[in-house]
Amino acid sequence: AEPSAESLDKPTVEGFGFEWTVYDQRKRDPASIRATFERYFAKFPWDVLPDSALGVDVGSGSGRWAALVAERGYRLVALDASRDALNVTRTAVPSADVLNASAVEMPLASDAADFAFSLGVLHHLPNTEGALAEIHRVLRPGGRLQAADITLSQSVSGNDKMDVSLWTGCIAGGLLEGELRDLVAAAGFSGIEVVPGGEVFAGAPQASNAADFGTRGAGIRAHR
C-alpha cells in the first residue's frame, strides 16, 4: 500500500526519489562512504545484538548505509516513502526486505526489531515526533536507535520557515539540541545521547544559511 498523503511531504519524497535515482552513490569512493558510516556508528553497541538481529533503516535512500549494516549479517528492513529510492536500495542491498512506507506508519509489528537507524532523515519529516514514536513502537524492549541529524544554535522562526532556500538547503526542519533530545525522550526512549558533530554544509551552496543558524551535525543514540 502507498503511504497515506497526510503522513508525508510529497515534494520532499519526490525530490529525494529523483536525487537517489540520478545520484545513486555508486560513483562515490567506497572508502569515503565507509569512513562516514564508521563515524556514525562509532559507539553503536553491536555486541549486544543477537546474531539473528532484525534492523530497520528508516529512510533508506540510496541504501548505502543499509548495505554496510548488511555486511554484518543482520536481517534488514529498508523503509522509504519513495518507490524510486527503494529501487536504488534494492540494487544496493539485495538481501533487504524493502517497504514503501512513511516513517510514521510502518507496516511492522510492535516489538519486532532489535535496532533501528535513521541517518540524515529526521529533519526532513513533517512529523519528527510521530516518526520517533513509531520507531519506539517497532523496537523490542531494549532495542537500540542510532540516528544522525542536524542541530541548530538558533531556532528557525515562523517567518524564516517561509524561506524556500532553508527547505531546499535542509535547514528549516532542524531543531535546537535540547528540542531534539526532548522529542526523543517524549517518544519513550531512555539512555539518550546527543553527540555534537562538525559542520555538515561546509563548501555547499547553503553554507552561509547554515552558518547563520549555527547548523551542526549530531549523532543520536538511545534505547527503548
N, C-alpha and C. Protein backbone atom coordinates (compact mmCIF):
# COMPACT_ATOMS: atom_id res chain seq x y z
N ALA A 1 0.84 -1.19 0.00
CA ALA A 1 0.00 0.00 0.00
C ALA A 1 0.88 1.25 0.00
N GLU A 2 0.39 2.29 -0.65
CA GLU A 2 1.12 3.56 -0.67
C GLU A 2 1.01 4.24 0.69
N PRO A 3 2.04 5.00 1.09
CA PRO A 3 1.92 5.80 2.32
C PRO A 3 0.77 6.79 2.18
N SER A 4 0.05 7.04 3.26
CA SER A 4 -1.06 7.99 3.20
C SER A 4 -0.53 9.39 2.96
N ALA A 5 -1.30 10.21 2.27
CA ALA A 5 -0.86 11.54 1.90
C ALA A 5 -0.56 12.41 3.11
N GLU A 6 -1.34 12.22 4.18
CA GLU A 6 -1.14 13.08 5.36
C GLU A 6 0.10 12.70 6.16
N SER A 7 0.72 11.57 5.84
CA SER A 7 1.87 11.12 6.62
C SER A 7 3.21 11.55 6.04
N LEU A 8 3.18 12.27 4.92
CA LEU A 8 4.44 12.64 4.29
C LEU A 8 4.33 13.96 3.56
N ASP A 9 5.49 14.51 3.22
CA ASP A 9 5.57 15.73 2.43
C ASP A 9 5.92 15.32 1.01
N LYS A 10 4.95 15.35 0.14
CA LYS A 10 5.11 14.77 -1.20
C LYS A 10 6.26 15.39 -1.99
N PRO A 11 6.42 16.73 -2.02
CA PRO A 11 7.55 17.29 -2.78
C PRO A 11 8.90 16.80 -2.27
N THR A 12 9.04 16.64 -0.94
CA THR A 12 10.30 16.14 -0.39
C THR A 12 10.53 14.70 -0.83
N VAL A 13 9.50 13.88 -0.76
CA VAL A 13 9.62 12.48 -1.17
C VAL A 13 10.00 12.39 -2.64
N GLU A 14 9.33 13.16 -3.48
CA GLU A 14 9.62 13.12 -4.91
C GLU A 14 11.02 13.65 -5.20
N GLY A 15 11.43 14.67 -4.46
CA GLY A 15 12.76 15.24 -4.66
C GLY A 15 13.86 14.26 -4.33
N PHE A 16 13.71 13.55 -3.21
CA PHE A 16 14.73 12.57 -2.86
C PHE A 16 14.68 11.34 -3.76
N GLY A 17 13.49 10.97 -4.22
CA GLY A 17 13.41 9.88 -5.17
C GLY A 17 14.20 10.19 -6.43
N PHE A 18 14.06 11.42 -6.91
CA PHE A 18 14.82 11.85 -8.09
C PHE A 18 16.32 11.88 -7.77
N GLU A 19 16.67 12.46 -6.61
CA GLU A 19 18.09 12.59 -6.26
C GLU A 19 18.78 11.23 -6.20
N TRP A 20 18.16 10.27 -5.53
CA TRP A 20 18.82 8.97 -5.38
C TRP A 20 18.81 8.17 -6.67
N THR A 21 17.88 8.47 -7.56
CA THR A 21 17.89 7.80 -8.86
C THR A 21 19.04 8.32 -9.73
N VAL A 22 19.24 9.63 -9.70
CA VAL A 22 20.28 10.24 -10.53
C VAL A 22 21.66 10.11 -9.88
N TYR A 23 21.71 10.33 -8.56
CA TYR A 23 22.98 10.27 -7.82
C TYR A 23 22.91 9.09 -6.86
N ASP A 24 23.02 7.90 -7.40
CA ASP A 24 22.78 6.70 -6.59
C ASP A 24 23.98 6.28 -5.74
N GLN A 25 25.02 7.10 -5.71
CA GLN A 25 26.19 6.91 -4.85
C GLN A 25 27.18 5.86 -5.38
N ARG A 26 26.87 5.22 -6.49
CA ARG A 26 27.78 4.18 -6.97
C ARG A 26 29.11 4.74 -7.46
N LYS A 27 29.14 6.04 -7.79
CA LYS A 27 30.38 6.66 -8.24
C LYS A 27 31.18 7.27 -7.09
N ARG A 28 30.62 7.25 -5.91
CA ARG A 28 31.36 7.77 -4.75
C ARG A 28 32.44 6.80 -4.32
N ASP A 29 33.48 7.32 -3.75
CA ASP A 29 34.57 6.49 -3.26
C ASP A 29 34.06 5.61 -2.13
N PRO A 30 34.09 4.28 -2.29
CA PRO A 30 33.59 3.39 -1.24
C PRO A 30 34.28 3.61 0.10
N ALA A 31 35.55 3.96 0.07
CA ALA A 31 36.28 4.19 1.33
C ALA A 31 35.72 5.40 2.06
N SER A 32 35.29 6.42 1.30
CA SER A 32 34.72 7.61 1.91
C SER A 32 33.37 7.29 2.56
N ILE A 33 32.54 6.51 1.87
CA ILE A 33 31.25 6.12 2.42
C ILE A 33 31.45 5.30 3.68
N ARG A 34 32.39 4.36 3.64
CA ARG A 34 32.65 3.52 4.81
C ARG A 34 33.16 4.34 5.99
N ALA A 35 34.02 5.31 5.71
CA ALA A 35 34.56 6.15 6.79
C ALA A 35 33.45 6.94 7.47
N THR A 36 32.50 7.47 6.67
CA THR A 36 31.37 8.19 7.24
C THR A 36 30.50 7.26 8.07
N PHE A 37 30.26 6.07 7.55
CA PHE A 37 29.49 5.07 8.29
C PHE A 37 30.13 4.75 9.63
N GLU A 38 31.44 4.57 9.63
CA GLU A 38 32.14 4.24 10.87
C GLU A 38 32.03 5.37 11.89
N ARG A 39 32.00 6.61 11.41
CA ARG A 39 31.80 7.74 12.34
C ARG A 39 30.40 7.70 12.93
N TYR A 40 29.41 7.45 12.09
CA TYR A 40 28.04 7.40 12.58
C TYR A 40 27.86 6.32 13.64
N PHE A 41 28.47 5.17 13.42
CA PHE A 41 28.25 4.01 14.28
C PHE A 41 29.42 3.73 15.22
N ALA A 42 30.23 4.76 15.46
CA ALA A 42 31.46 4.57 16.24
C ALA A 42 31.21 3.94 17.61
N LYS A 43 30.12 4.31 18.25
CA LYS A 43 29.84 3.79 19.59
C LYS A 43 28.56 2.96 19.64
N PHE A 44 28.13 2.49 18.49
CA PHE A 44 26.93 1.67 18.47
C PHE A 44 27.24 0.30 19.09
N PRO A 45 26.40 -0.19 19.99
CA PRO A 45 26.70 -1.44 20.71
C PRO A 45 26.36 -2.70 19.91
N TRP A 46 27.09 -2.92 18.84
CA TRP A 46 26.84 -4.11 18.02
C TRP A 46 26.90 -5.39 18.87
N ASP A 47 27.75 -5.38 19.90
CA ASP A 47 27.99 -6.60 20.67
C ASP A 47 26.78 -7.04 21.49
N VAL A 48 25.80 -6.16 21.70
CA VAL A 48 24.63 -6.56 22.49
C VAL A 48 23.52 -7.15 21.62
N LEU A 49 23.68 -7.08 20.30
CA LEU A 49 22.63 -7.58 19.41
C LEU A 49 22.73 -9.10 19.25
N PRO A 50 21.60 -9.78 19.17
CA PRO A 50 21.63 -11.22 18.88
C PRO A 50 22.14 -11.47 17.46
N ASP A 51 22.64 -12.66 17.21
CA ASP A 51 23.19 -12.98 15.89
C ASP A 51 22.17 -12.81 14.78
N SER A 52 20.92 -13.09 15.10
CA SER A 52 19.86 -13.01 14.08
C SER A 52 19.07 -11.71 14.18
N ALA A 53 19.71 -10.66 14.68
CA ALA A 53 19.02 -9.40 14.92
C ALA A 53 18.37 -8.85 13.65
N LEU A 54 17.21 -8.21 13.86
CA LEU A 54 16.50 -7.54 12.78
C LEU A 54 16.67 -6.04 12.94
N GLY A 55 17.15 -5.38 11.89
CA GLY A 55 17.31 -3.94 11.91
C GLY A 55 16.38 -3.27 10.91
N VAL A 56 16.05 -2.01 11.18
CA VAL A 56 15.19 -1.23 10.28
C VAL A 56 15.91 0.05 9.91
N ASP A 57 16.07 0.26 8.61
CA ASP A 57 16.64 1.50 8.09
C ASP A 57 15.46 2.42 7.76
N VAL A 58 15.30 3.47 8.55
CA VAL A 58 14.16 4.38 8.39
C VAL A 58 14.58 5.52 7.47
N GLY A 59 14.16 5.42 6.21
CA GLY A 59 14.58 6.38 5.19
C GLY A 59 15.83 5.89 4.50
N SER A 60 15.72 4.78 3.78
CA SER A 60 16.92 4.10 3.27
C SER A 60 17.62 4.85 2.13
N GLY A 61 16.88 5.69 1.39
CA GLY A 61 17.51 6.46 0.33
C GLY A 61 18.23 5.59 -0.68
N SER A 62 19.53 5.81 -0.85
CA SER A 62 20.33 5.05 -1.81
C SER A 62 20.68 3.65 -1.30
N GLY A 63 20.43 3.39 -0.02
CA GLY A 63 20.77 2.09 0.54
C GLY A 63 22.23 1.93 0.94
N ARG A 64 22.99 3.03 0.88
CA ARG A 64 24.44 2.91 1.14
C ARG A 64 24.74 2.53 2.58
N TRP A 65 23.93 3.02 3.52
CA TRP A 65 24.18 2.67 4.93
C TRP A 65 23.68 1.26 5.21
N ALA A 66 22.52 0.92 4.67
CA ALA A 66 21.98 -0.43 4.88
C ALA A 66 22.92 -1.49 4.32
N ALA A 67 23.57 -1.20 3.21
CA ALA A 67 24.50 -2.17 2.62
C ALA A 67 25.64 -2.49 3.58
N LEU A 68 26.13 -1.48 4.30
CA LEU A 68 27.24 -1.71 5.22
C LEU A 68 26.76 -2.42 6.49
N VAL A 69 25.53 -2.16 6.91
CA VAL A 69 24.98 -2.91 8.04
C VAL A 69 24.77 -4.37 7.63
N ALA A 70 24.29 -4.57 6.41
CA ALA A 70 24.02 -5.93 5.94
C ALA A 70 25.29 -6.78 5.89
N GLU A 71 26.44 -6.15 5.70
CA GLU A 71 27.70 -6.88 5.70
C GLU A 71 27.93 -7.62 7.01
N ARG A 72 27.31 -7.13 8.07
CA ARG A 72 27.48 -7.76 9.38
C ARG A 72 26.60 -8.98 9.56
N GLY A 73 25.76 -9.27 8.58
CA GLY A 73 24.96 -10.48 8.61
C GLY A 73 23.59 -10.34 9.25
N TYR A 74 23.19 -9.12 9.58
CA TYR A 74 21.88 -8.92 10.20
C TYR A 74 20.77 -8.92 9.16
N ARG A 75 19.57 -9.30 9.59
CA ARG A 75 18.39 -9.17 8.76
C ARG A 75 17.98 -7.70 8.73
N LEU A 76 17.55 -7.24 7.56
CA LEU A 76 17.26 -5.82 7.43
C LEU A 76 15.93 -5.57 6.73
N VAL A 77 15.23 -4.56 7.24
CA VAL A 77 14.10 -3.96 6.55
C VAL A 77 14.52 -2.55 6.15
N ALA A 78 14.43 -2.25 4.86
CA ALA A 78 14.74 -0.91 4.37
C ALA A 78 13.43 -0.22 4.00
N LEU A 79 13.16 0.88 4.67
CA LEU A 79 11.88 1.57 4.52
C LEU A 79 12.10 2.95 3.93
N ASP A 80 11.31 3.29 2.93
CA ASP A 80 11.38 4.64 2.37
C ASP A 80 10.01 4.97 1.78
N ALA A 81 9.66 6.26 1.83
CA ALA A 81 8.37 6.69 1.29
C ALA A 81 8.41 6.83 -0.23
N SER A 82 9.61 6.78 -0.82
CA SER A 82 9.76 6.93 -2.26
C SER A 82 10.01 5.57 -2.92
N ARG A 83 9.15 5.22 -3.86
CA ARG A 83 9.36 3.98 -4.61
C ARG A 83 10.64 4.06 -5.45
N ASP A 84 10.92 5.26 -5.98
CA ASP A 84 12.13 5.42 -6.78
C ASP A 84 13.37 5.17 -5.93
N ALA A 85 13.38 5.70 -4.71
CA ALA A 85 14.52 5.46 -3.83
C ALA A 85 14.65 3.98 -3.51
N LEU A 86 13.54 3.31 -3.30
CA LEU A 86 13.59 1.88 -2.98
C LEU A 86 14.14 1.04 -4.13
N ASN A 87 13.92 1.49 -5.35
CA ASN A 87 14.52 0.78 -6.48
C ASN A 87 16.04 0.82 -6.41
N VAL A 88 16.57 1.95 -5.95
CA VAL A 88 18.02 2.08 -5.78
C VAL A 88 18.47 1.23 -4.59
N THR A 89 17.69 1.25 -3.52
CA THR A 89 18.02 0.44 -2.35
C THR A 89 18.10 -1.04 -2.71
N ARG A 90 17.15 -1.52 -3.51
CA ARG A 90 17.14 -2.94 -3.89
C ARG A 90 18.44 -3.35 -4.57
N THR A 91 18.96 -2.46 -5.40
CA THR A 91 20.22 -2.75 -6.08
C THR A 91 21.38 -2.77 -5.11
N ALA A 92 21.37 -1.83 -4.16
CA ALA A 92 22.47 -1.73 -3.21
C ALA A 92 22.44 -2.83 -2.16
N VAL A 93 21.24 -3.27 -1.77
CA VAL A 93 21.10 -4.25 -0.69
C VAL A 93 20.09 -5.32 -1.11
N PRO A 94 20.49 -6.25 -1.96
CA PRO A 94 19.53 -7.26 -2.43
C PRO A 94 18.94 -8.12 -1.32
N SER A 95 19.65 -8.24 -0.20
CA SER A 95 19.18 -9.10 0.89
C SER A 95 18.12 -8.46 1.75
N ALA A 96 17.92 -7.15 1.63
CA ALA A 96 16.98 -6.44 2.50
C ALA A 96 15.55 -6.61 2.02
N ASP A 97 14.62 -6.63 2.96
CA ASP A 97 13.20 -6.51 2.65
C ASP A 97 12.88 -5.03 2.53
N VAL A 98 12.34 -4.60 1.41
CA VAL A 98 12.06 -3.18 1.20
C VAL A 98 10.57 -2.91 1.38
N LEU A 99 10.29 -1.79 2.02
CA LEU A 99 8.90 -1.41 2.30
C LEU A 99 8.68 0.03 1.87
N ASN A 100 7.68 0.26 1.03
CA ASN A 100 7.30 1.60 0.65
C ASN A 100 6.32 2.12 1.69
N ALA A 101 6.84 2.91 2.62
CA ALA A 101 6.01 3.34 3.75
C ALA A 101 6.57 4.62 4.36
N SER A 102 5.70 5.31 5.05
CA SER A 102 6.09 6.50 5.80
C SER A 102 6.69 6.11 7.14
N ALA A 103 7.57 6.97 7.64
CA ALA A 103 8.20 6.71 8.94
C ALA A 103 7.20 6.76 10.09
N VAL A 104 6.04 7.36 9.87
CA VAL A 104 5.03 7.42 10.94
C VAL A 104 3.96 6.34 10.79
N GLU A 105 4.08 5.54 9.74
CA GLU A 105 3.11 4.45 9.51
C GLU A 105 3.86 3.21 9.02
N MET A 106 4.69 2.65 9.87
CA MET A 106 5.48 1.50 9.45
C MET A 106 4.64 0.22 9.52
N PRO A 107 4.58 -0.54 8.44
CA PRO A 107 3.80 -1.78 8.44
C PRO A 107 4.58 -2.92 9.09
N LEU A 108 4.96 -2.69 10.34
CA LEU A 108 5.72 -3.66 11.12
C LEU A 108 5.03 -3.88 12.45
N ALA A 109 5.15 -5.09 12.97
CA ALA A 109 4.54 -5.38 14.27
C ALA A 109 5.28 -4.66 15.39
N SER A 110 4.59 -4.40 16.47
CA SER A 110 5.23 -3.84 17.65
C SER A 110 6.26 -4.82 18.19
N ASP A 111 7.34 -4.30 18.76
CA ASP A 111 8.40 -5.12 19.38
C ASP A 111 9.07 -6.05 18.36
N ALA A 112 9.10 -5.66 17.09
CA ALA A 112 9.59 -6.56 16.05
C ALA A 112 11.10 -6.47 15.82
N ALA A 113 11.69 -5.30 16.04
CA ALA A 113 13.07 -5.06 15.62
C ALA A 113 14.02 -4.95 16.81
N ASP A 114 15.26 -5.33 16.57
CA ASP A 114 16.30 -5.24 17.60
C ASP A 114 17.02 -3.90 17.55
N PHE A 115 17.06 -3.30 16.38
CA PHE A 115 17.69 -1.98 16.27
C PHE A 115 17.11 -1.24 15.07
N ALA A 116 17.25 0.07 15.11
CA ALA A 116 16.80 0.92 14.00
C ALA A 116 17.82 2.02 13.81
N PHE A 117 17.95 2.45 12.57
CA PHE A 117 18.85 3.58 12.30
C PHE A 117 18.20 4.48 11.26
N SER A 118 18.48 5.77 11.38
CA SER A 118 17.89 6.77 10.50
C SER A 118 18.91 7.89 10.37
N LEU A 119 19.54 7.97 9.23
CA LEU A 119 20.69 8.86 9.05
C LEU A 119 20.37 9.97 8.06
N GLY A 120 20.32 11.20 8.58
CA GLY A 120 20.04 12.36 7.75
C GLY A 120 18.61 12.44 7.27
N VAL A 121 17.68 11.94 8.07
CA VAL A 121 16.28 11.85 7.63
C VAL A 121 15.34 12.67 8.52
N LEU A 122 15.52 12.64 9.82
CA LEU A 122 14.52 13.17 10.75
C LEU A 122 14.14 14.61 10.46
N HIS A 123 15.11 15.46 10.13
CA HIS A 123 14.79 16.88 9.94
C HIS A 123 14.03 17.14 8.64
N HIS A 124 13.90 16.13 7.79
CA HIS A 124 13.12 16.28 6.56
C HIS A 124 11.66 15.88 6.76
N LEU A 125 11.33 15.31 7.90
CA LEU A 125 10.00 14.75 8.09
C LEU A 125 9.01 15.81 8.60
N PRO A 126 7.77 15.79 8.11
CA PRO A 126 6.78 16.75 8.61
C PRO A 126 6.34 16.44 10.03
N ASN A 127 6.59 15.22 10.51
CA ASN A 127 6.18 14.83 11.86
C ASN A 127 7.30 14.01 12.51
N THR A 128 8.36 14.71 12.91
CA THR A 128 9.51 14.03 13.52
C THR A 128 9.10 13.32 14.80
N GLU A 129 8.27 13.95 15.60
CA GLU A 129 7.83 13.35 16.86
C GLU A 129 7.09 12.04 16.60
N GLY A 130 6.21 12.05 15.60
CA GLY A 130 5.47 10.84 15.28
C GLY A 130 6.37 9.73 14.77
N ALA A 131 7.39 10.09 13.99
CA ALA A 131 8.33 9.09 13.48
C ALA A 131 9.12 8.46 14.62
N LEU A 132 9.56 9.26 15.57
CA LEU A 132 10.30 8.71 16.71
C LEU A 132 9.43 7.78 17.54
N ALA A 133 8.16 8.17 17.73
CA ALA A 133 7.24 7.31 18.47
C ALA A 133 7.01 5.98 17.74
N GLU A 134 6.96 6.04 16.41
CA GLU A 134 6.76 4.82 15.62
C GLU A 134 8.00 3.92 15.67
N ILE A 135 9.17 4.52 15.64
CA ILE A 135 10.40 3.73 15.78
C ILE A 135 10.41 3.04 17.15
N HIS A 136 10.02 3.78 18.18
CA HIS A 136 9.96 3.21 19.53
C HIS A 136 9.00 2.03 19.56
N ARG A 137 7.87 2.16 18.88
CA ARG A 137 6.87 1.09 18.88
C ARG A 137 7.42 -0.20 18.27
N VAL A 138 8.13 -0.09 17.15
CA VAL A 138 8.56 -1.30 16.46
C VAL A 138 9.81 -1.94 17.09
N LEU A 139 10.50 -1.20 17.95
CA LEU A 139 11.65 -1.78 18.63
C LEU A 139 11.20 -2.65 19.80
N ARG A 140 11.88 -3.74 20.01
CA ARG A 140 11.63 -4.56 21.19
C ARG A 140 12.16 -3.81 22.42
N PRO A 141 11.71 -4.18 23.63
CA PRO A 141 12.30 -3.58 24.83
C PRO A 141 13.82 -3.79 24.84
N GLY A 142 14.53 -2.71 25.04
CA GLY A 142 15.99 -2.77 24.98
C GLY A 142 16.55 -2.53 23.59
N GLY A 143 15.68 -2.44 22.58
CA GLY A 143 16.12 -2.21 21.21
C GLY A 143 16.84 -0.87 21.08
N ARG A 144 17.75 -0.79 20.14
CA ARG A 144 18.65 0.37 20.02
C ARG A 144 18.30 1.26 18.83
N LEU A 145 18.45 2.55 19.05
CA LEU A 145 18.27 3.54 18.00
C LEU A 145 19.59 4.25 17.75
N GLN A 146 19.99 4.34 16.48
CA GLN A 146 21.12 5.17 16.07
C GLN A 146 20.62 6.11 14.99
N ALA A 147 20.76 7.40 15.22
CA ALA A 147 20.32 8.38 14.23
C ALA A 147 21.41 9.42 14.04
N ALA A 148 21.37 10.05 12.91
CA ALA A 148 22.25 11.19 12.63
C ALA A 148 21.38 12.29 12.03
N ASP A 149 21.55 13.49 12.53
CA ASP A 149 20.71 14.57 12.06
C ASP A 149 21.47 15.88 12.18
N ILE A 150 20.76 16.99 12.16
CA ILE A 150 21.39 18.29 12.37
C ILE A 150 20.78 18.94 13.61
N THR A 151 21.55 19.80 14.23
CA THR A 151 21.02 20.66 15.29
C THR A 151 21.38 22.10 14.95
N LEU A 152 20.60 23.01 15.50
CA LEU A 152 20.81 24.44 15.28
C LEU A 152 21.14 25.11 16.60
N SER A 153 21.85 26.22 16.54
CA SER A 153 22.04 27.03 17.74
C SER A 153 21.04 28.17 17.79
N GLN A 154 20.34 28.40 16.69
CA GLN A 154 19.30 29.43 16.62
C GLN A 154 18.08 28.83 15.93
N SER A 155 16.94 28.97 16.57
CA SER A 155 15.71 28.41 16.00
C SER A 155 15.33 29.09 14.69
N VAL A 156 14.68 28.35 13.82
CA VAL A 156 14.14 28.91 12.58
C VAL A 156 12.75 29.43 12.91
N SER A 157 12.55 30.73 12.78
CA SER A 157 11.28 31.35 13.14
C SER A 157 10.21 31.00 12.12
N GLY A 158 8.96 31.32 12.47
CA GLY A 158 7.85 31.08 11.56
C GLY A 158 8.04 31.78 10.24
N ASN A 159 8.51 33.04 10.28
CA ASN A 159 8.73 33.78 9.04
C ASN A 159 9.85 33.15 8.22
N ASP A 160 10.92 32.75 8.90
CA ASP A 160 12.04 32.13 8.19
C ASP A 160 11.65 30.81 7.55
N LYS A 161 10.71 30.11 8.17
CA LYS A 161 10.27 28.84 7.60
C LYS A 161 9.56 29.02 6.26
N MET A 162 9.20 30.26 5.92
CA MET A 162 8.61 30.54 4.62
C MET A 162 9.68 30.70 3.54
N ASP A 163 10.94 30.74 3.94
CA ASP A 163 12.06 30.90 3.00
C ASP A 163 12.37 29.55 2.37
N VAL A 164 12.06 29.42 1.09
CA VAL A 164 12.22 28.13 0.44
C VAL A 164 13.68 27.68 0.44
N SER A 165 14.62 28.62 0.47
CA SER A 165 16.04 28.23 0.44
C SER A 165 16.44 27.48 1.70
N LEU A 166 15.72 27.72 2.81
CA LEU A 166 16.03 27.00 4.04
C LEU A 166 15.50 25.57 3.99
N TRP A 167 14.45 25.35 3.19
CA TRP A 167 13.95 23.98 3.00
C TRP A 167 14.81 23.23 2.00
N THR A 168 15.10 23.86 0.88
CA THR A 168 15.95 23.19 -0.11
C THR A 168 17.36 23.00 0.43
N GLY A 169 17.76 23.85 1.37
CA GLY A 169 19.08 23.72 1.98
C GLY A 169 19.11 22.80 3.18
N CYS A 170 17.99 22.13 3.46
CA CYS A 170 17.92 21.11 4.53
C CYS A 170 18.15 21.70 5.91
N ILE A 171 17.72 22.95 6.12
CA ILE A 171 17.95 23.62 7.40
C ILE A 171 16.65 23.87 8.15
N ALA A 172 15.55 24.15 7.43
CA ALA A 172 14.31 24.60 8.07
C ALA A 172 13.76 23.60 9.06
N GLY A 173 14.00 22.30 8.86
CA GLY A 173 13.47 21.30 9.78
C GLY A 173 14.37 21.00 10.96
N GLY A 174 15.50 21.71 11.05
CA GLY A 174 16.42 21.47 12.16
C GLY A 174 15.89 21.96 13.48
N LEU A 175 16.39 21.38 14.57
CA LEU A 175 15.96 21.72 15.92
C LEU A 175 17.16 22.10 16.78
N LEU A 176 16.90 22.83 17.85
CA LEU A 176 17.92 23.02 18.86
C LEU A 176 18.25 21.68 19.49
N GLU A 177 19.47 21.52 20.00
CA GLU A 177 19.86 20.24 20.60
C GLU A 177 18.89 19.81 21.69
N GLY A 178 18.51 20.75 22.56
CA GLY A 178 17.59 20.42 23.64
C GLY A 178 16.23 19.99 23.13
N GLU A 179 15.76 20.64 22.06
CA GLU A 179 14.47 20.27 21.47
C GLU A 179 14.52 18.85 20.89
N LEU A 180 15.63 18.53 20.23
CA LEU A 180 15.77 17.20 19.66
C LEU A 180 15.81 16.14 20.76
N ARG A 181 16.55 16.42 21.81
CA ARG A 181 16.63 15.48 22.94
C ARG A 181 15.24 15.28 23.56
N ASP A 182 14.49 16.39 23.69
CA ASP A 182 13.15 16.29 24.29
C ASP A 182 12.22 15.45 23.42
N LEU A 183 12.33 15.57 22.09
CA LEU A 183 11.48 14.77 21.22
C LEU A 183 11.79 13.28 21.35
N VAL A 184 13.07 12.95 21.45
CA VAL A 184 13.46 11.55 21.60
C VAL A 184 12.93 11.01 22.93
N ALA A 185 13.03 11.82 23.99
CA ALA A 185 12.53 11.41 25.29
C ALA A 185 11.02 11.27 25.29
N ALA A 186 10.33 12.20 24.64
CA ALA A 186 8.86 12.16 24.58
C ALA A 186 8.36 10.92 23.87
N ALA A 187 9.17 10.37 22.96
CA ALA A 187 8.79 9.16 22.25
C ALA A 187 8.93 7.92 23.13
N GLY A 188 9.56 8.08 24.29
CA GLY A 188 9.67 6.96 25.23
C GLY A 188 11.05 6.36 25.37
N PHE A 189 12.05 6.94 24.68
CA PHE A 189 13.39 6.38 24.72
C PHE A 189 14.12 6.71 26.01
N SER A 190 15.10 5.88 26.35
CA SER A 190 15.95 6.07 27.52
C SER A 190 17.42 6.10 27.07
N GLY A 191 18.30 6.44 28.00
CA GLY A 191 19.73 6.43 27.71
C GLY A 191 20.09 7.31 26.53
N ILE A 192 19.47 8.47 26.45
CA ILE A 192 19.62 9.33 25.26
C ILE A 192 20.95 10.07 25.28
N GLU A 193 21.66 9.98 24.18
CA GLU A 193 22.88 10.74 23.97
C GLU A 193 22.74 11.52 22.68
N VAL A 194 22.99 12.83 22.74
CA VAL A 194 23.07 13.65 21.54
C VAL A 194 24.52 14.13 21.46
N VAL A 195 25.22 13.63 20.48
CA VAL A 195 26.66 13.88 20.37
C VAL A 195 26.90 14.94 19.29
N PRO A 196 27.40 16.12 19.67
CA PRO A 196 27.62 17.18 18.67
C PRO A 196 28.64 16.73 17.63
N GLY A 197 28.38 17.11 16.40
CA GLY A 197 29.29 16.81 15.31
C GLY A 197 29.85 18.08 14.71
N GLY A 198 30.39 17.96 13.52
CA GLY A 198 31.02 19.09 12.86
C GLY A 198 30.08 19.77 11.87
N GLU A 199 30.65 20.68 11.10
CA GLU A 199 29.89 21.37 10.08
C GLU A 199 29.51 20.37 8.98
N VAL A 200 28.27 20.40 8.58
CA VAL A 200 27.81 19.44 7.58
C VAL A 200 27.60 20.06 6.20
N PHE A 201 27.63 21.40 6.13
CA PHE A 201 27.37 22.06 4.85
C PHE A 201 28.54 22.91 4.39
N ALA A 202 29.71 22.70 4.95
CA ALA A 202 30.89 23.48 4.55
C ALA A 202 31.14 23.30 3.05
N GLY A 203 31.25 24.42 2.35
CA GLY A 203 31.52 24.38 0.92
C GLY A 203 30.29 24.16 0.07
N ALA A 204 29.14 23.93 0.68
CA ALA A 204 27.91 23.71 -0.07
C ALA A 204 27.21 25.05 -0.33
N PRO A 205 26.29 25.09 -1.30
CA PRO A 205 25.61 26.36 -1.59
C PRO A 205 24.88 26.95 -0.39
N GLN A 206 24.41 26.09 0.52
CA GLN A 206 23.66 26.57 1.67
C GLN A 206 24.54 26.87 2.87
N ALA A 207 25.85 26.93 2.67
CA ALA A 207 26.78 27.09 3.80
C ALA A 207 26.52 28.37 4.58
N SER A 208 26.21 29.47 3.90
CA SER A 208 26.01 30.73 4.62
C SER A 208 24.75 30.67 5.48
N ASN A 209 23.67 30.10 4.94
CA ASN A 209 22.46 29.93 5.74
C ASN A 209 22.72 29.02 6.92
N ALA A 210 23.46 27.94 6.68
CA ALA A 210 23.77 27.00 7.75
C ALA A 210 24.54 27.70 8.86
N ALA A 211 25.48 28.54 8.49
CA ALA A 211 26.27 29.27 9.49
C ALA A 211 25.39 30.24 10.27
N ASP A 212 24.44 30.89 9.59
CA ASP A 212 23.56 31.85 10.27
C ASP A 212 22.77 31.19 11.39
N PHE A 213 22.40 29.92 11.22
CA PHE A 213 21.60 29.23 12.23
C PHE A 213 22.44 28.27 13.08
N GLY A 214 23.75 28.35 12.94
CA GLY A 214 24.62 27.50 13.77
C GLY A 214 24.38 26.02 13.52
N THR A 215 24.25 25.64 12.26
CA THR A 215 23.91 24.25 11.91
C THR A 215 25.10 23.33 12.07
N ARG A 216 24.91 22.26 12.81
CA ARG A 216 25.95 21.25 13.02
C ARG A 216 25.34 19.86 12.87
N GLY A 217 26.19 18.91 12.60
CA GLY A 217 25.74 17.54 12.63
C GLY A 217 25.57 17.07 14.05
N ALA A 218 24.78 16.03 14.26
CA ALA A 218 24.57 15.48 15.59
C ALA A 218 24.29 13.98 15.47
N GLY A 219 24.90 13.21 16.34
CA GLY A 219 24.59 11.80 16.45
C GLY A 219 23.63 11.58 17.61
N ILE A 220 22.67 10.72 17.44
CA ILE A 220 21.67 10.43 18.49
C ILE A 220 21.68 8.93 18.77
N ARG A 221 21.91 8.58 20.02
CA ARG A 221 21.84 7.18 20.44
C ARG A 221 20.86 7.08 21.59
N ALA A 222 20.07 6.00 21.58
CA ALA A 222 19.10 5.79 22.65
C ALA A 222 18.64 4.34 22.60
N HIS A 223 17.90 3.93 23.62
CA HIS A 223 17.33 2.59 23.59
C HIS A 223 15.93 2.63 24.16
N ARG A 224 15.15 1.65 23.75
CA ARG A 224 13.79 1.56 24.26
C ARG A 224 13.81 1.04 25.69
